[in-house]
């Protein structure tokens, strides 16, 4: 935990509870969690009030929630489109909108958005996912320029294939990026001196599957 108090969220109370238990190893800061659908601005507001009450403030926001619904545009349902955009893009806006006034009151803060190489490289059957990540990249860069003089630094990370359970049914593979590698990149961004901003990072498997 590197000495930080951490609040996490997820869609289900069970997954949040399991993550809190896993992270609470007694060597870091306080870890708390709450279930929330970040595609709901109301639930996001409740989540940030929970963070205020439990941790007393906010210094860093990492937006890492994401879903992928894949298929040809002509076969995609309106619900799948909305769910993808609401989670991957609108949810980031809702969280940032809550964080910014808190950062201003505290004298500054840091936002790191986890995007994807799909935010610059479109692919077949990825219409909704590509749109959400292209939008996230543009949103992040605009927000960085909007709030740099509020002492709010904003960055984003664009990973390629990461070894997670993001895509159920896809075989696990050791050639993919490990989740802890992405965590190390985020820590590196946060550790930079205040005068310096790593605005974005592209990262991909060093030896992808042929």
Protein backbone atom coordinates (compact mmCIF):
# COMPACT_ATOMS: atom_id res chain seq x y z
CA UNK A 1 0.00 0.00 0.00
CA UNK A 2 3.09 2.22 0.17
CA UNK A 3 1.74 4.00 3.25
CA UNK A 4 -1.46 5.26 1.61
CA UNK A 5 -4.98 4.87 2.92
CA UNK A 6 -7.03 3.34 0.11
CA UNK A 7 -10.72 3.23 -0.76
CA UNK A 8 -11.84 0.82 -3.46
CA UNK A 9 -15.14 0.09 -5.13
CA UNK A 10 -16.65 -2.61 -7.29
CA UNK A 11 -20.05 -3.63 -8.53
CA UNK A 12 -20.66 -6.34 -5.93
CA UNK A 13 -20.31 -6.12 -2.16
CA UNK A 14 -18.76 -9.60 -2.16
CA UNK A 15 -15.93 -8.70 -4.53
CA UNK A 16 -15.22 -5.47 -2.65
CA UNK A 17 -15.10 -7.29 0.68
CA UNK A 18 -12.71 -9.88 -0.74
CA UNK A 19 -10.43 -7.18 -2.15
CA UNK A 20 -10.38 -5.25 1.12
CA UNK A 21 -9.42 -8.42 2.99
CA UNK A 22 -6.71 -9.21 0.45
CA UNK A 23 -5.20 -5.72 0.64
CA UNK A 24 -5.42 -5.37 4.42
CA UNK A 25 -2.18 -7.14 5.26
CA UNK A 26 -1.22 -4.94 8.19
CA UNK A 27 1.82 -3.42 6.47
CA UNK A 28 0.18 -0.46 4.77
CA UNK A 29 -2.47 2.15 5.42
CA UNK A 30 -6.17 1.77 6.04
CA UNK A 31 -8.21 -0.02 3.37
CA UNK A 32 -11.95 0.47 3.00
CA UNK A 33 -14.40 -0.41 0.26
CA UNK A 34 -17.94 0.10 -0.93
CA UNK A 35 -19.94 -1.35 -3.80
CA UNK A 36 -20.97 1.13 -6.48
CA UNK A 37 -21.91 1.29 -10.14
CA UNK A 38 -19.80 4.15 -11.44
CA UNK A 39 -22.13 4.45 -14.41
CA UNK A 40 -24.58 6.04 -11.93
CA UNK A 41 -23.78 9.62 -10.91
CA UNK A 42 -25.89 9.16 -7.78
CA UNK A 43 -23.93 6.10 -6.64
CA UNK A 44 -20.64 7.84 -7.40
CA UNK A 45 -21.65 10.79 -5.21
CA UNK A 46 -22.52 8.36 -2.40
CA UNK A 47 -19.15 6.62 -2.86
CA UNK A 48 -17.22 9.87 -2.45
CA UNK A 49 -19.21 10.81 0.65
CA UNK A 50 -18.24 7.40 2.03
CA UNK A 51 -14.56 8.15 1.29
CA UNK A 52 -14.86 11.52 3.05
CA UNK A 53 -16.32 9.86 6.12
CA UNK A 54 -13.85 6.94 6.22
CA UNK A 55 -10.61 8.60 5.15
CA UNK A 56 -11.20 12.29 5.73
CA UNK A 57 -10.19 13.43 2.27
CA UNK A 58 -8.83 12.57 -1.14
CA UNK A 59 -5.35 13.00 -2.65
CA UNK A 60 -5.32 10.55 -5.57
CA UNK A 61 -8.01 9.17 -7.87
CA UNK A 62 -7.30 6.13 -10.05
CA UNK A 63 -10.10 5.35 -12.50
CA UNK A 64 -9.70 1.69 -13.36
CA UNK A 65 -13.25 0.37 -13.84
CA UNK A 66 -13.99 -0.93 -17.30
CA UNK A 67 -16.05 -3.38 -19.32
CA UNK A 68 -15.79 -4.67 -22.85
CA UNK A 69 -18.75 -5.65 -25.01
CA UNK A 70 -17.61 -6.73 -28.46
CA UNK A 71 -19.43 -7.32 -31.72
CA UNK A 72 -20.24 -5.73 -35.08
CA UNK A 73 -21.85 -2.32 -34.78
CA UNK A 74 -24.90 -3.51 -36.70
CA UNK A 75 -25.50 -6.28 -34.16
CA UNK A 76 -24.85 -4.26 -31.00
CA UNK A 77 -27.77 -3.51 -28.71
CA UNK A 78 -28.47 -0.04 -27.39
CA UNK A 79 -28.11 -1.41 -23.86
CA UNK A 80 -24.62 -2.81 -24.59
CA UNK A 81 -23.55 0.52 -26.11
CA UNK A 82 -24.84 2.52 -23.17
CA UNK A 83 -23.36 0.15 -20.60
CA UNK A 84 -19.91 0.40 -22.20
CA UNK A 85 -19.94 4.18 -22.53
CA UNK A 86 -21.49 4.68 -19.09
CA UNK A 87 -18.82 2.59 -17.36
CA UNK A 88 -15.71 3.38 -19.38
CA UNK A 89 -16.29 7.08 -20.06
CA UNK A 90 -19.21 8.65 -18.20
CA UNK A 91 -18.16 6.94 -14.97
CA UNK A 92 -14.74 8.56 -15.20
CA UNK A 93 -16.38 11.96 -15.64
CA UNK A 94 -18.63 11.37 -12.61
CA UNK A 95 -15.64 10.41 -10.44
CA UNK A 96 -13.52 13.33 -11.65
CA UNK A 97 -16.39 15.76 -11.10
CA UNK A 98 -16.56 14.62 -7.47
CA UNK A 99 -12.78 14.67 -7.02
CA UNK A 100 -11.99 18.12 -8.44
CA UNK A 101 -13.64 20.26 -5.73
CA UNK A 102 -12.06 18.06 -3.07
CA UNK A 103 -8.64 18.50 -4.65
CA UNK A 104 -9.15 22.25 -4.91
CA UNK A 105 -10.04 22.46 -1.22
CA UNK A 106 -6.96 20.40 -0.33
CA UNK A 107 -4.61 22.44 -2.51
CA UNK A 108 -4.15 19.85 -5.25
CA UNK A 109 -4.39 16.20 -6.24
CA UNK A 110 -3.66 13.59 -8.87
CA UNK A 111 -5.87 11.67 -11.32
CA UNK A 112 -4.65 8.61 -13.22
CA UNK A 113 -7.07 7.13 -15.75
CA UNK A 114 -6.51 3.59 -16.99
CA UNK A 115 -7.29 3.63 -20.69
CA UNK A 116 -6.16 1.20 -23.39
CA UNK A 117 -4.21 0.99 -26.62
CA UNK A 118 -7.71 0.53 -28.05
CA UNK A 119 -7.98 4.28 -27.48
CA UNK A 120 -5.70 4.86 -30.49
CA UNK A 121 -5.93 1.58 -32.43
CA UNK A 122 -9.46 0.67 -33.60
CA UNK A 123 -10.23 -2.99 -34.22
CA UNK A 124 -13.07 -4.98 -35.72
CA UNK A 125 -15.97 -5.70 -33.32
CA UNK A 126 -14.65 -3.02 -30.94
CA UNK A 127 -16.91 -0.10 -31.86
CA UNK A 128 -18.26 0.62 -28.39
CA UNK A 129 -15.00 -0.16 -26.59
CA UNK A 130 -12.92 1.87 -29.03
CA UNK A 131 -15.32 4.81 -28.74
CA UNK A 132 -15.16 4.72 -24.94
CA UNK A 133 -11.35 4.65 -24.86
CA UNK A 134 -10.80 7.21 -27.64
CA UNK A 135 -13.19 9.42 -25.69
CA UNK A 136 -11.41 8.75 -22.41
CA UNK A 137 -8.06 9.79 -23.87
CA UNK A 138 -9.46 13.06 -25.21
CA UNK A 139 -11.32 13.74 -21.98
CA UNK A 140 -8.18 13.14 -19.91
CA UNK A 141 -6.01 15.48 -21.97
CA UNK A 142 -8.64 18.23 -21.88
CA UNK A 143 -9.05 17.84 -18.12
CA UNK A 144 -5.29 18.05 -17.67
CA UNK A 145 -5.26 21.43 -19.43
CA UNK A 146 -8.38 22.66 -17.61
CA UNK A 147 -6.99 22.04 -14.12
CA UNK A 148 -3.19 22.15 -14.27
CA UNK A 149 -3.19 25.55 -12.54
CA UNK A 150 -5.40 24.17 -9.78
CA UNK A 151 -2.38 21.99 -8.89
CA UNK A 152 -4.29 18.96 -10.19
CA UNK A 153 -2.13 16.65 -12.29
CA UNK A 154 -3.89 14.31 -14.72
CA UNK A 155 -2.37 11.33 -16.54
CA UNK A 156 -3.49 8.22 -18.34
CA UNK A 157 -2.06 4.77 -18.99
CA UNK A 158 -2.76 2.87 -22.22
CA UNK A 159 -2.06 -0.85 -21.72
CA UNK A 160 -2.20 -3.56 -24.31
CA UNK A 161 -3.19 -7.09 -23.27
CA UNK A 162 -3.20 -7.45 -19.47
CA UNK A 163 -3.50 -10.79 -17.67
CA UNK A 164 -6.84 -10.24 -15.90
CA UNK A 165 -10.35 -11.70 -15.94
CA UNK A 166 -11.55 -8.77 -18.08
CA UNK A 167 -12.61 -11.11 -20.90
CA UNK A 168 -14.27 -14.27 -19.48
CA UNK A 169 -13.57 -17.34 -21.55
CA UNK A 170 -10.29 -16.02 -22.97
CA UNK A 171 -7.44 -18.37 -21.99
CA UNK A 172 -4.93 -16.99 -19.50
CA UNK A 173 -1.45 -16.42 -20.93
CA UNK A 174 1.88 -15.59 -19.35
CA UNK A 175 2.96 -13.42 -22.31
CA UNK A 176 0.46 -10.74 -21.26
CA UNK A 177 1.24 -7.76 -19.04
CA UNK A 178 0.85 -8.56 -15.34
CA UNK A 179 -1.57 -6.35 -13.37
CA UNK A 180 1.20 -5.50 -10.90
CA UNK A 181 3.21 -4.08 -13.80
CA UNK A 182 0.45 -1.55 -14.43
CA UNK A 183 0.40 -0.76 -10.72
CA UNK A 184 4.14 -0.04 -10.84
CA UNK A 185 3.62 2.33 -13.75
CA UNK A 186 0.93 4.20 -11.81
CA UNK A 187 3.27 4.48 -8.80
CA UNK A 188 6.02 5.82 -11.05
CA UNK A 189 3.70 8.51 -12.38
CA UNK A 190 2.64 9.52 -8.87
CA UNK A 191 6.23 9.67 -7.61
CA UNK A 192 7.33 12.30 -10.13
CA UNK A 193 8.24 15.71 -8.67
CA UNK A 194 5.39 18.23 -8.70
CA UNK A 195 7.12 20.20 -11.47
CA UNK A 196 6.91 17.24 -13.87
CA UNK A 197 3.91 15.46 -15.39
CA UNK A 198 3.98 12.17 -17.28
CA UNK A 199 0.90 12.93 -19.34
CA UNK A 200 0.43 9.46 -20.83
CA UNK A 201 2.09 6.05 -20.97
CA UNK A 202 1.76 3.37 -23.65
CA UNK A 203 2.61 -0.14 -22.51
CA UNK A 204 2.37 -3.43 -24.34
CA UNK A 205 3.58 -7.02 -23.94
CA UNK A 206 7.25 -7.24 -24.85
CA UNK A 207 6.74 -10.57 -26.65
CA UNK A 208 3.12 -10.81 -27.76
CA UNK A 209 1.66 -14.00 -29.12
CA UNK A 210 2.58 -14.54 -32.78
